[in-house]
Amino acid sequence: MNDKPSWQSSHFDEQDNDPLAGFANIMDVMLVFALGLMLALVAQSQELRAHLSIEPEPGQKTEVTTGSELVNAPESLNQALSGQANGMESLGQVYKDPKTGKLILISTD
């Protein structure tokens, strides 16, 4: 039987001490620290930034010679955006000129 009165007994007195519980917490802290260190090194690496930057080479740029400027959106596009159309037919690819803001439609025909 327990020698201590109920007000002096502790819930922790009845449990066994686990010597590896503290070690597991230290391992968690070490893993979080290592992950933070790796992320900091990757974020500051100039060599990785140079490899990950996307810049087209001079030979990769192509000039578009065919196509027509899309001044107003077609009625079928307006219907599809408002939910009135059943489906759309692809007429080509639309590109936006970043300098002028004009839309250029390149038809697939």
PDB file of N, CA and C in Angstrom:
ATOM      1  N   MET A   1       0.832  -1.167   0.000  1.00  0.00           N
ATOM      2  CA  MET A   1       0.000   0.000   0.000  1.00  0.00           C
ATOM      3  C   MET A   1       0.882   1.238   0.000  1.00  0.00           C
ATOM      4  N   ASN A   2       0.328   2.326  -0.463  1.00  0.00           N
ATOM      5  CA  ASN A   2       1.077   3.565  -0.598  1.00  0.00           C
ATOM      6  C   ASN A   2       1.182   4.262   0.756  1.00  0.00           C
ATOM      7  N   ASP A   3       2.392   4.674   1.136  1.00  0.00           N
ATOM      8  CA  ASP A   3       2.616   5.317   2.432  1.00  0.00           C
ATOM      9  C   ASP A   3       2.227   6.785   2.442  1.00  0.00           C
ATOM     10  N   LYS A   4       2.155   7.421   1.279  1.00  0.00           N
ATOM     11  CA  LYS A   4       1.875   8.857   1.213  1.00  0.00           C
ATOM     12  C   LYS A   4       0.379   9.112   1.180  1.00  0.00           C
ATOM     13  N   PRO A   5      -0.057  10.213   1.778  1.00  0.00           N
ATOM     14  CA  PRO A   5      -1.467  10.594   1.642  1.00  0.00           C
ATOM     15  C   PRO A   5      -1.765  10.978   0.193  1.00  0.00           C
ATOM     16  N   SER A   6      -3.021  10.986  -0.180  1.00  0.00           N
ATOM     17  CA  SER A   6      -3.412  11.240  -1.568  1.00  0.00           C
ATOM     18  C   SER A   6      -3.021  12.634  -2.042  1.00  0.00           C
ATOM     19  N   TRP A   7      -2.977  13.607  -1.153  1.00  0.00           N
ATOM     20  CA  TRP A   7      -2.640  14.964  -1.580  1.00  0.00           C
ATOM     21  C   TRP A   7      -1.149  15.132  -1.832  1.00  0.00           C
ATOM     22  N   GLN A   8      -0.308  14.182  -1.362  1.00  0.00           N
ATOM     23  CA  GLN A   8       1.134  14.246  -1.589  1.00  0.00           C
ATOM     24  C   GLN A   8       1.578  13.350  -2.741  1.00  0.00           C
ATOM     25  N   SER A   9       0.740  12.455  -3.152  1.00  0.00           N
ATOM     26  CA  SER A   9       1.154  11.546  -4.222  1.00  0.00           C
ATOM     27  C   SER A   9       1.099  12.268  -5.566  1.00  0.00           C
ATOM     28  N   SER A  10       1.912  11.828  -6.436  1.00  0.00           N
ATOM     29  CA  SER A  10       2.000  12.431  -7.768  1.00  0.00           C
ATOM     30  C   SER A  10       1.746  11.361  -8.819  1.00  0.00           C
ATOM     31  N   HIS A  11       1.183  11.783  -9.912  1.00  0.00           N
ATOM     32  CA  HIS A  11       0.936  10.864 -11.024  1.00  0.00           C
ATOM     33  C   HIS A  11       2.253  10.359 -11.600  1.00  0.00           C
ATOM     34  N   PHE A  12       3.279  11.178 -11.518  1.00  0.00           N
ATOM     35  CA  PHE A  12       4.565  10.804 -12.095  1.00  0.00           C
ATOM     36  C   PHE A  12       5.322   9.807 -11.224  1.00  0.00           C
ATOM     37  N   ASP A  13       4.969   9.708  -9.969  1.00  0.00           N
ATOM     38  CA  ASP A  13       5.632   8.750  -9.092  1.00  0.00           C
ATOM     39  C   ASP A  13       5.310   7.317  -9.485  1.00  0.00           C
ATOM     40  N   GLU A  14       4.150   7.082 -10.050  1.00  0.00           N
ATOM     41  CA  GLU A  14       3.724   5.730 -10.383  1.00  0.00           C
ATOM     42  C   GLU A  14       4.323   5.233 -11.692  1.00  0.00           C
ATOM     43  N   GLN A  15       4.782   6.145 -12.543  1.00  0.00           N
ATOM     44  CA  GLN A  15       5.298   5.735 -13.846  1.00  0.00           C
ATOM     45  C   GLN A  15       6.801   5.490 -13.767  1.00  0.00           C
ATOM     46  N   ASP A  16       7.261   4.611 -14.665  1.00  0.00           N
ATOM     47  CA  ASP A  16       8.695   4.372 -14.764  1.00  0.00           C
ATOM     48  C   ASP A  16       9.338   5.505 -15.550  1.00  0.00           C
ATOM     49  N   ASN A  17      10.569   5.797 -15.234  1.00  0.00           N
ATOM     50  CA  ASN A  17      11.304   6.812 -15.981  1.00  0.00           C
ATOM     51  C   ASN A  17      11.826   6.191 -17.267  1.00  0.00           C
ATOM     52  N   ASP A  18      11.625   6.895 -18.375  1.00  0.00           N
ATOM     53  CA  ASP A  18      12.108   6.423 -19.672  1.00  0.00           C
ATOM     54  C   ASP A  18      13.352   7.224 -20.031  1.00  0.00           C
ATOM     55  N   PRO A  19      14.524   6.608 -19.995  1.00  0.00           N
ATOM     56  CA  PRO A  19      15.751   7.371 -20.260  1.00  0.00           C
ATOM     57  C   PRO A  19      15.878   7.828 -21.719  1.00  0.00           C
ATOM     58  N   LEU A  20      15.164   7.199 -22.650  1.00  0.00           N
ATOM     59  CA  LEU A  20      15.268   7.577 -24.056  1.00  0.00           C
ATOM     60  C   LEU A  20      14.290   8.680 -24.454  1.00  0.00           C
ATOM     61  N   ALA A  21      13.382   9.067 -23.571  1.00  0.00           N
ATOM     62  CA  ALA A  21      12.412  10.109 -23.914  1.00  0.00           C
ATOM     63  C   ALA A  21      13.109  11.445 -24.149  1.00  0.00           C
ATOM     64  N   GLY A  22      14.053  11.787 -23.309  1.00  0.00           N
ATOM     65  CA  GLY A  22      14.803  13.032 -23.493  1.00  0.00           C
ATOM     66  C   GLY A  22      15.665  12.989 -24.738  1.00  0.00           C
ATOM     67  N   PHE A  23      16.229  11.833 -25.036  1.00  0.00           N
ATOM     68  CA  PHE A  23      17.059  11.686 -26.232  1.00  0.00           C
ATOM     69  C   PHE A  23      16.233  11.868 -27.499  1.00  0.00           C
ATOM     70  N   ALA A  24      15.000  11.384 -27.510  1.00  0.00           N
ATOM     71  CA  ALA A  24      14.134  11.548 -28.679  1.00  0.00           C
ATOM     72  C   ALA A  24      13.817  13.023 -28.908  1.00  0.00           C
ATOM     73  N   ASN A  25      13.604  13.771 -27.841  1.00  0.00           N
ATOM     74  CA  ASN A  25      13.349  15.201 -27.984  1.00  0.00           C
ATOM     75  C   ASN A  25      14.572  15.926 -28.537  1.00  0.00           C
ATOM     76  N   ILE A  26      15.756  15.539 -28.088  1.00  0.00           N
ATOM     77  CA  ILE A  26      16.983  16.150 -28.600  1.00  0.00           C
ATOM     78  C   ILE A  26      17.146  15.838 -30.083  1.00  0.00           C
ATOM     79  N   MET A  27      16.820  14.617 -30.495  1.00  0.00           N
ATOM     80  CA  MET A  27      16.917  14.244 -31.913  1.00  0.00           C
ATOM     81  C   MET A  27      15.951  15.072 -32.758  1.00  0.00           C
ATOM     82  N   ASP A  28      14.756  15.321 -32.262  1.00  0.00           N
ATOM     83  CA  ASP A  28      13.796  16.149 -32.995  1.00  0.00           C
ATOM     84  C   ASP A  28      14.331  17.560 -33.188  1.00  0.00           C
ATOM     85  N   VAL A  29      14.901  18.119 -32.147  1.00  0.00           N
ATOM     86  CA  VAL A  29      15.463  19.471 -32.237  1.00  0.00           C
ATOM     87  C   VAL A  29      16.622  19.494 -33.224  1.00  0.00           C
ATOM     88  N   MET A  30      17.461  18.457 -33.205  1.00  0.00           N
ATOM     89  CA  MET A  30      18.595  18.403 -34.136  1.00  0.00           C
ATOM     90  C   MET A  30      18.120  18.311 -35.580  1.00  0.00           C
ATOM     91  N   LEU A  31      17.079  17.533 -35.844  1.00  0.00           N
ATOM     92  CA  LEU A  31      16.560  17.411 -37.203  1.00  0.00           C
ATOM     93  C   LEU A  31      15.982  18.731 -37.701  1.00  0.00           C
ATOM     94  N   VAL A  32      15.249  19.423 -36.857  1.00  0.00           N
ATOM     95  CA  VAL A  32      14.685  20.717 -37.246  1.00  0.00           C
ATOM     96  C   VAL A  32      15.802  21.718 -37.508  1.00  0.00           C
ATOM     97  N   PHE A  33      16.822  21.731 -36.663  1.00  0.00           N
ATOM     98  CA  PHE A  33      17.952  22.640 -36.858  1.00  0.00           C
ATOM     99  C   PHE A  33      18.690  22.320 -38.156  1.00  0.00           C
ATOM    100  N   ALA A  34      18.922  21.036 -38.441  1.00  0.00           N
ATOM    101  CA  ALA A  34      19.625  20.643 -39.664  1.00  0.00           C
ATOM    102  C   ALA A  34      18.822  21.029 -40.902  1.00  0.00           C
ATOM    103  N   LEU A  35      17.522  20.851 -40.866  1.00  0.00           N
ATOM    104  CA  LEU A  35      16.685  21.233 -41.998  1.00  0.00           C
ATOM    105  C   LEU A  35      16.723  22.743 -42.215  1.00  0.00           C
ATOM    106  N   GLY A  36      16.654  23.507 -41.147  1.00  0.00           N
ATOM    107  CA  GLY A  36      16.743  24.962 -41.266  1.00  0.00           C
ATOM    108  C   GLY A  36      18.082  25.402 -41.818  1.00  0.00           C
ATOM    109  N   LEU A  37      19.154  24.761 -41.396  1.00  0.00           N
ATOM    110  CA  LEU A  37      20.482  25.087 -41.898  1.00  0.00           C
ATOM    111  C   LEU A  37      20.599  24.770 -43.385  1.00  0.00           C
ATOM    112  N   MET A  38      20.079  23.624 -43.806  1.00  0.00           N
ATOM    113  CA  MET A  38      20.123  23.273 -45.231  1.00  0.00           C
ATOM    114  C   MET A  38      19.316  24.250 -46.072  1.00  0.00           C
ATOM    115  N   LEU A  39      18.143  24.622 -45.604  1.00  0.00           N
ATOM    116  CA  LEU A  39      17.334  25.586 -46.349  1.00  0.00           C
ATOM    117  C   LEU A  39      18.024  26.938 -46.438  1.00  0.00           C
ATOM    118  N   ALA A  40      18.680  27.372 -45.379  1.00  0.00           N
ATOM    119  CA  ALA A  40      19.400  28.643 -45.402  1.00  0.00           C
ATOM    120  C   ALA A  40      20.560  28.593 -46.387  1.00  0.00           C
ATOM    121  N   LEU A  41      21.275  27.484 -46.426  1.00  0.00           N
ATOM    122  CA  LEU A  41      22.393  27.359 -47.364  1.00  0.00           C
ATOM    123  C   LEU A  41      21.914  27.341 -48.807  1.00  0.00           C
ATOM    124  N   VAL A  42      20.823  26.661 -49.076  1.00  0.00           N
ATOM    125  CA  VAL A  42      20.286  26.613 -50.436  1.00  0.00           C
ATOM    126  C   VAL A  42      19.776  27.982 -50.857  1.00  0.00           C
ATOM    127  N   ALA A  43      19.143  28.701 -49.944  1.00  0.00           N
ATOM    128  CA  ALA A  43      18.595  30.014 -50.275  1.00  0.00           C
ATOM    129  C   ALA A  43      19.700  31.021 -50.569  1.00  0.00           C
ATOM    130  N   GLN A  44      20.858  30.873 -49.959  1.00  0.00           N
ATOM    131  CA  GLN A  44      21.944  31.832 -50.138  1.00  0.00           C
ATOM    132  C   GLN A  44      22.947  31.415 -51.205  1.00  0.00           C
ATOM    133  N   SER A  45      22.797  30.261 -51.785  1.00  0.00           N
ATOM    134  CA  SER A  45      23.762  29.754 -52.756  1.00  0.00           C
ATOM    135  C   SER A  45      23.604  30.472 -54.097  1.00  0.00           C
ATOM    136  N   GLN A  46      24.616  31.224 -54.492  1.00  0.00           N
ATOM    137  CA  GLN A  46      24.591  31.937 -55.769  1.00  0.00           C
ATOM    138  C   GLN A  46      24.722  30.960 -56.940  1.00  0.00           C
ATOM    139  N   GLU A  47      25.462  29.885 -56.736  1.00  0.00           N
ATOM    140  CA  GLU A  47      25.644  28.908 -57.806  1.00  0.00           C
ATOM    141  C   GLU A  47      24.320  28.228 -58.146  1.00  0.00           C
ATOM    142  N   LEU A  48      23.535  27.889 -57.130  1.00  0.00           N
ATOM    143  CA  LEU A  48      22.232  27.278 -57.390  1.00  0.00           C
ATOM    144  C   LEU A  48      21.290  28.268 -58.054  1.00  0.00           C
ATOM    145  N   ARG A  49      21.358  29.530 -57.657  1.00  0.00           N
ATOM    146  CA  ARG A  49      20.510  30.538 -58.293  1.00  0.00           C
ATOM    147  C   ARG A  49      20.843  30.675 -59.769  1.00  0.00           C
ATOM    148  N   ALA A  50      22.126  30.576 -60.113  1.00  0.00           N
ATOM    149  CA  ALA A  50      22.522  30.690 -61.518  1.00  0.00           C
ATOM    150  C   ALA A  50      21.994  29.510 -62.324  1.00  0.00           C
ATOM    151  N   HIS A  51      21.987  28.331 -61.725  1.00  0.00           N
ATOM    152  CA  HIS A  51      21.490  27.149 -62.433  1.00  0.00           C
ATOM    153  C   HIS A  51      19.973  27.141 -62.538  1.00  0.00           C
ATOM    154  N   LEU A  52      19.285  27.749 -61.584  1.00  0.00           N
ATOM    155  CA  LEU A  52      17.831  27.711 -61.570  1.00  0.00           C
ATOM    156  C   LEU A  52      17.183  28.876 -62.303  1.00  0.00           C
ATOM    157  N   SER A  53      17.966  29.885 -62.685  1.00  0.00           N
ATOM    158  CA  SER A  53      17.363  31.020 -63.386  1.00  0.00           C
ATOM    159  C   SER A  53      17.000  30.607 -64.804  1.00  0.00           C
ATOM    160  N   ILE A  54      15.838  31.058 -65.242  1.00  0.00           N
ATOM    161  CA  ILE A  54      15.341  30.698 -66.567  1.00  0.00           C
ATOM    162  C   ILE A  54      15.462  31.916 -67.464  1.00  0.00           C
ATOM    163  N   GLU A  55      16.451  31.891 -68.309  1.00  0.00           N
ATOM    164  CA  GLU A  55      16.648  32.957 -69.276  1.00  0.00           C
ATOM    165  C   GLU A  55      16.859  32.292 -70.635  1.00  0.00           C
ATOM    166  N   PRO A  56      16.097  32.701 -71.637  1.00  0.00           N
ATOM    167  CA  PRO A  56      16.263  32.071 -72.947  1.00  0.00           C
ATOM    168  C   PRO A  56      17.592  32.465 -73.588  1.00  0.00           C
ATOM    169  N   GLU A  57      18.191  31.504 -74.239  1.00  0.00           N
ATOM    170  CA  GLU A  57      19.417  31.779 -74.978  1.00  0.00           C
ATOM    171  C   GLU A  57      19.052  32.499 -76.270  1.00  0.00           C
ATOM    172  N   PRO A  58      19.990  33.215 -76.873  1.00  0.00           N
ATOM    173  CA  PRO A  58      19.656  33.972 -78.088  1.00  0.00           C
ATOM    174  C   PRO A  58      19.102  33.102 -79.218  1.00  0.00           C
ATOM    175  N   GLY A  59      19.523  31.871 -79.328  1.00  0.00           N
ATOM    176  CA  GLY A  59      19.034  30.995 -80.388  1.00  0.00           C
ATOM    177  C   GLY A  59      17.657  30.417 -80.112  1.00  0.00           C
ATOM    178  N   GLN A  60      17.164  30.535 -78.887  1.00  0.00           N
ATOM    179  CA  GLN A  60      15.882  29.944 -78.529  1.00  0.00           C
ATOM    180  C   GLN A  60      14.701  30.847 -78.839  1.00  0.00           C
ATOM    181  N   LYS A  61      14.918  32.124 -79.031  1.00  0.00           N
ATOM    182  CA  LYS A  61      13.817  33.037 -79.305  1.00  0.00           C
ATOM    183  C   LYS A  61      13.372  32.877 -80.747  1.00  0.00           C
ATOM    184  N   THR A  62      12.070  32.851 -80.952  1.00  0.00           N
ATOM    185  CA  THR A  62      11.523  32.754 -82.304  1.00  0.00           C
ATOM    186  C   THR A  62      10.570  33.911 -82.536  1.00  0.00           C
ATOM    187  N   GLU A  63      10.644  34.473 -83.708  1.00  0.00           N
ATOM    188  CA  GLU A  63       9.751  35.559 -84.086  1.00  0.00           C
ATOM    189  C   GLU A  63       8.481  34.967 -84.682  1.00  0.00           C
ATOM    190  N   VAL A  64       7.351  35.525 -84.333  1.00  0.00           N
ATOM    191  CA  VAL A  64       6.070  35.077 -84.860  1.00  0.00           C
ATOM    192  C   VAL A  64       5.762  35.905 -86.096  1.00  0.00           C
ATOM    193  N   THR A  65       5.598  35.218 -87.226  1.00  0.00           N
ATOM    194  CA  THR A  65       5.319  35.944 -88.469  1.00  0.00           C
ATOM    195  C   THR A  65       3.865  35.821 -88.879  1.00  0.00           C
ATOM    196  N   THR A  66       3.188  34.756 -88.453  1.00  0.00           N
ATOM    197  CA  THR A  66       1.779  34.596 -88.800  1.00  0.00           C
ATOM    198  C   THR A  66       0.934  34.816 -87.568  1.00  0.00           C
ATOM    199  N   GLY A  67      -0.272  35.234 -87.776  1.00  0.00           N
ATOM    200  CA  GLY A  67      -1.192  35.464 -86.672  1.00  0.00           C
ATOM    201  C   GLY A  67      -1.939  36.761 -86.894  1.00  0.00           C
ATOM    202  N   SER A  68      -2.931  36.984 -86.099  1.00  0.00           N
ATOM    203  CA  SER A  68      -3.707  38.210 -86.218  1.00  0.00           C
ATOM    204  C   SER A  68      -3.943  38.777 -84.823  1.00  0.00           C
ATOM    205  N   GLU A  69      -4.033  40.099 -84.751  1.00  0.00           N
ATOM    206  CA  GLU A  69      -4.251  40.757 -83.473  1.00  0.00           C
ATOM    207  C   GLU A  69      -5.692  40.557 -83.039  1.00  0.00           C
ATOM    208  N   LEU A  70      -5.884  40.196 -81.800  1.00  0.00           N
ATOM    209  CA  LEU A  70      -7.209  39.959 -81.248  1.00  0.00           C
ATOM    210  C   LEU A  70      -7.630  41.216 -80.496  1.00  0.00           C
ATOM    211  N   VAL A  71      -8.484  42.029 -81.159  1.00  0.00           N
ATOM    212  CA  VAL A  71      -8.894  43.304 -80.574  1.00  0.00           C
ATOM    213  C   VAL A  71      -9.980  43.076 -79.533  1.00  0.00           C
ATOM    214  N   ASN A  72     -11.024  42.377 -79.895  1.00  0.00           N
ATOM    215  CA  ASN A  72     -12.124  42.077 -78.980  1.00  0.00           C
ATOM    216  C   ASN A  72     -12.237  40.568 -78.814  1.00  0.00           C
ATOM    217  N   ALA A  73     -12.708  40.149 -77.668  1.00  0.00           N
ATOM    218  CA  ALA A  73     -12.908  38.724 -77.431  1.00  0.00           C
ATOM    219  C   ALA A  73     -14.072  38.228 -78.280  1.00  0.00           C
ATOM    220  N   PRO A  74     -13.956  37.039 -78.881  1.00  0.00           N
ATOM    221  CA  PRO A  74     -15.059  36.494 -79.675  1.00  0.00           C
ATOM    222  C   PRO A  74     -16.302  36.261 -78.813  1.00  0.00           C
ATOM    223  N   GLU A  75     -17.464  36.250 -79.463  1.00  0.00           N
ATOM    224  CA  GLU A  75     -18.730  36.060 -78.747  1.00  0.00           C
ATOM    225  C   GLU A  75     -18.774  34.695 -78.058  1.00  0.00           C
ATOM    226  N   SER A  76     -18.177  33.671 -78.679  1.00  0.00           N
ATOM    227  CA  SER A  76     -18.179  32.339 -78.064  1.00  0.00           C
ATOM    228  C   SER A  76     -17.394  32.339 -76.750  1.00  0.00           C
ATOM    229  N   LEU A  77     -16.336  33.139 -76.682  1.00  0.00           N
ATOM    230  CA  LEU A  77     -15.569  33.238 -75.442  1.00  0.00           C
ATOM    231  C   LEU A  77     -16.379  33.951 -74.369  1.00  0.00           C
ATOM    232  N   ASN A  78     -17.077  35.002 -74.751  1.00  0.00           N
ATOM    233  CA  ASN A  78     -17.921  35.719 -73.791  1.00  0.00           C
ATOM    234  C   ASN A  78     -19.039  34.821 -73.267  1.00  0.00           C
ATOM    235  N   GLN A  79     -19.626  33.997 -74.152  1.00  0.00           N
ATOM    236  CA  GLN A  79     -20.682  33.081 -73.725  1.00  0.00           C
ATOM    237  C   GLN A  79     -20.131  32.015 -72.779  1.00  0.00           C
ATOM    238  N   ALA A  80     -18.947  31.512 -73.084  1.00  0.00           N
ATOM    239  CA  ALA A  80     -18.358  30.477 -72.237  1.00  0.00           C
ATOM    240  C   ALA A  80     -18.018  31.034 -70.857  1.00  0.00           C
ATOM    241  N   LEU A  81     -17.537  32.266 -70.811  1.00  0.00           N
ATOM    242  CA  LEU A  81     -17.197  32.868 -69.524  1.00  0.00           C
ATOM    243  C   LEU A  81     -18.435  33.142 -68.684  1.00  0.00           C
ATOM    244  N   SER A  82     -19.550  33.442 -69.337  1.00  0.00           N
ATOM    245  CA  SER A  82     -20.780  33.703 -68.593  1.00  0.00           C
ATOM    246  C   SER A  82     -21.553  32.417 -68.304  1.00  0.00           C
ATOM    247  N   GLY A  83     -21.105  31.275 -68.838  1.00  0.00           N
ATOM    248  CA  GLY A  83     -21.745  29.997 -68.563  1.00  0.00           C
ATOM    249  C   GLY A  83     -22.881  29.661 -69.502  1.00  0.00           C
ATOM    250  N   GLN A  84     -23.011  30.358 -70.629  1.00  0.00           N
ATOM    251  CA  GLN A  84     -24.113  30.119 -71.551  1.00  0.00           C
ATOM    252  C   GLN A  84     -23.742  29.154 -72.675  1.00  0.00           C
ATOM    253  N   ALA A  85     -22.484  28.875 -72.877  1.00  0.00           N
ATOM    254  CA  ALA A  85     -22.068  28.020 -73.990  1.00  0.00           C
ATOM    255  C   ALA A  85     -21.900  26.577 -73.511  1.00  0.00           C
ATOM    256  N   ASN A  86     -22.134  25.627 -74.420  1.00  0.00           N
ATOM    257  CA  ASN A  86     -21.978  24.211 -74.095  1.00  0.00           C
ATOM    258  C   ASN A  86     -20.527  23.770 -74.205  1.00  0.00           C
ATOM    259  N   GLY A  87     -19.802  24.345 -75.118  1.00  0.00           N
ATOM    260  CA  GLY A  87     -18.413  23.970 -75.317  1.00  0.00           C
ATOM    261  C   GLY A  87     -17.733  24.980 -76.204  1.00  0.00           C
ATOM    262  N   MET A  88     -16.453  24.852 -76.334  1.00  0.00           N
ATOM    263  CA  MET A  88     -15.705  25.789 -77.156  1.00  0.00           C
ATOM    264  C   MET A  88     -14.886  25.024 -78.167  1.00  0.00           C
ATOM    265  N   GLU A  89     -14.619  25.666 -79.266  1.00  0.00           N
ATOM    266  CA  GLU A  89     -13.775  25.103 -80.310  1.00  0.00           C
ATOM    267  C   GLU A  89     -12.453  25.847 -80.281  1.00  0.00           C
ATOM    268  N   SER A  90     -11.363  25.121 -80.297  1.00  0.00           N
ATOM    269  CA  SER A  90     -10.046  25.741 -80.277  1.00  0.00           C
ATOM    270  C   SER A  90      -9.734  26.305 -81.658  1.00  0.00           C
ATOM    271  N   LEU A  91      -9.448  27.593 -81.702  1.00  0.00           N
ATOM    272  CA  LEU A  91      -9.102  28.249 -82.959  1.00  0.00           C
ATOM    273  C   LEU A  91      -7.609  28.490 -83.075  1.00  0.00           C
ATOM    274  N   GLY A  92      -6.876  28.298 -82.027  1.00  0.00           N
ATOM    275  CA  GLY A  92      -5.435  28.529 -82.052  1.00  0.00           C
ATOM    276  C   GLY A  92      -4.927  28.901 -80.677  1.00  0.00           C
ATOM    277  N   GLN A  93      -3.765  29.508 -80.661  1.00  0.00           N
ATOM    278  CA  GLN A  93      -3.124  29.904 -79.413  1.00  0.00           C
ATOM    279  C   GLN A  93      -3.073  31.423 -79.343  1.00  0.00           C
ATOM    280  N   VAL A  94      -3.367  31.993 -78.174  1.00  0.00           N
ATOM    281  CA  VAL A  94      -3.352  33.440 -77.987  1.00  0.00           C
ATOM    282  C   VAL A  94      -2.154  33.803 -77.117  1.00  0.00           C
ATOM    283  N   TYR A  95      -1.378  34.787 -77.570  1.00  0.00           N
ATOM    284  CA  TYR A  95      -0.230  35.286 -76.832  1.00  0.00           C
ATOM    285  C   TYR A  95      -0.418  36.771 -76.578  1.00  0.00           C
ATOM    286  N   LYS A  96       0.126  37.251 -75.465  1.00  0.00           N
ATOM    287  CA  LYS A  96       0.041  38.671 -75.129  1.00  0.00           C
ATOM    288  C   LYS A  96       1.436  39.275 -75.217  1.00  0.00           C
ATOM    289  N   ASP A  97       1.545  40.378 -75.968  1.00  0.00           N
ATOM    290  CA  ASP A  97       2.808  41.089 -76.086  1.00  0.00           C
ATOM    291  C   ASP A  97       3.027  41.882 -74.799  1.00  0.00           C
ATOM    292  N   PRO A  98       4.108  41.619 -74.056  1.00  0.00           N
ATOM    293  CA  PRO A  98       4.290  42.309 -72.779  1.00  0.00           C
ATOM    294  C   PRO A  98       4.583  43.800 -72.927  1.00  0.00           C
ATOM    295  N   LYS A  99       5.121  44.203 -74.059  1.00  0.00           N
ATOM    296  CA  LYS A  99       5.460  45.614 -74.241  1.00  0.00           C
ATOM    297  C   LYS A  99       4.229  46.447 -74.575  1.00  0.00           C
ATOM    298  N   THR A 100       3.396  45.942 -75.492  1.00  0.00           N
ATOM    299  CA  THR A 100       2.241  46.723 -75.944  1.00  0.00           C
ATOM    300  C   THR A 100       0.944  46.292 -75.287  1.00  0.00           C
ATOM    301  N   GLY A 101       0.883  45.070 -74.766  1.00  0.00           N
ATOM    302  CA  GLY A 101      -0.342  44.578 -74.158  1.00  0.00           C
ATOM    303  C   GLY A 101      -1.323  44.023 -75.174  1.00  0.00           C
ATOM    304  N   LYS A 102      -0.929  43.935 -76.443  1.00  0.00           N
ATOM    305  CA  LYS A 102      -1.822  43.426 -77.488  1.00  0.00           C
ATOM    306  C   LYS A 102      -1.879  41.906 -77.424  1.00  0.00           C
ATOM    307  N   LEU A 103      -3.048  41.363 -77.778  1.00  0.00           N
ATOM    308  CA  LEU A 103      -3.236  39.920 -77.859  1.00  0.00           C
ATOM    309  C   LEU A 103      -3.065  39.486 -79.302  1.00  0.00           C
ATOM    310  N   ILE A 104      -2.303  38.419 -79.531  1.00  0.00           N
ATOM    311  CA  ILE A 104      -2.052  37.909 -80.877  1.00  0.00           C
ATOM    312  C   ILE A 104      -2.570  36.486 -80.936  1.00  0.00           C
ATOM    313  N   LEU A 105      -3.468  36.224 -81.898  1.00  0.00           N
ATOM    314  CA  LEU A 105      -4.040  34.895 -82.095  1.00  0.00           C
ATOM    315  C   LEU A 105      -3.283  34.205 -83.214  1.00  0.00           C
ATOM    316  N   ILE A 106      -2.729  33.050 -82.935  1.00  0.00           N
ATOM    317  CA  ILE A 106      -2.058  32.238 -83.947  1.00  0.00           C
ATOM    318  C   ILE A 106      -2.955  31.040 -84.187  1.00  0.00           C
ATOM    319  N   SER A 107      -3.569  31.014 -85.365  1.00  0.00           N
ATOM    320  CA  SER A 107      -4.539  29.961 -85.664  1.00  0.00           C
ATOM    321  C   SER A 107      -3.828  28.665 -86.004  1.00  0.00           C
ATOM    322  N   THR A 108      -4.527  27.555 -85.771  1.00  0.00           N
ATOM    323  CA  THR A 108      -3.962  26.241 -86.054  1.00  0.00           C
ATOM    324  C   THR A 108      -4.200  25.819 -87.495  1.00  0.00           C
ATOM    325  N   ASP A 109      -4.993  26.568 -88.240  1.00  0.00           N
ATOM    326  CA  ASP A 109      -5.266  26.228 -89.645  1.00  0.00           C
ATOM    327  C   ASP A 109      -4.090  26.519 -90.533  1.00  0.00           C
TER     328      ASP A 109
END
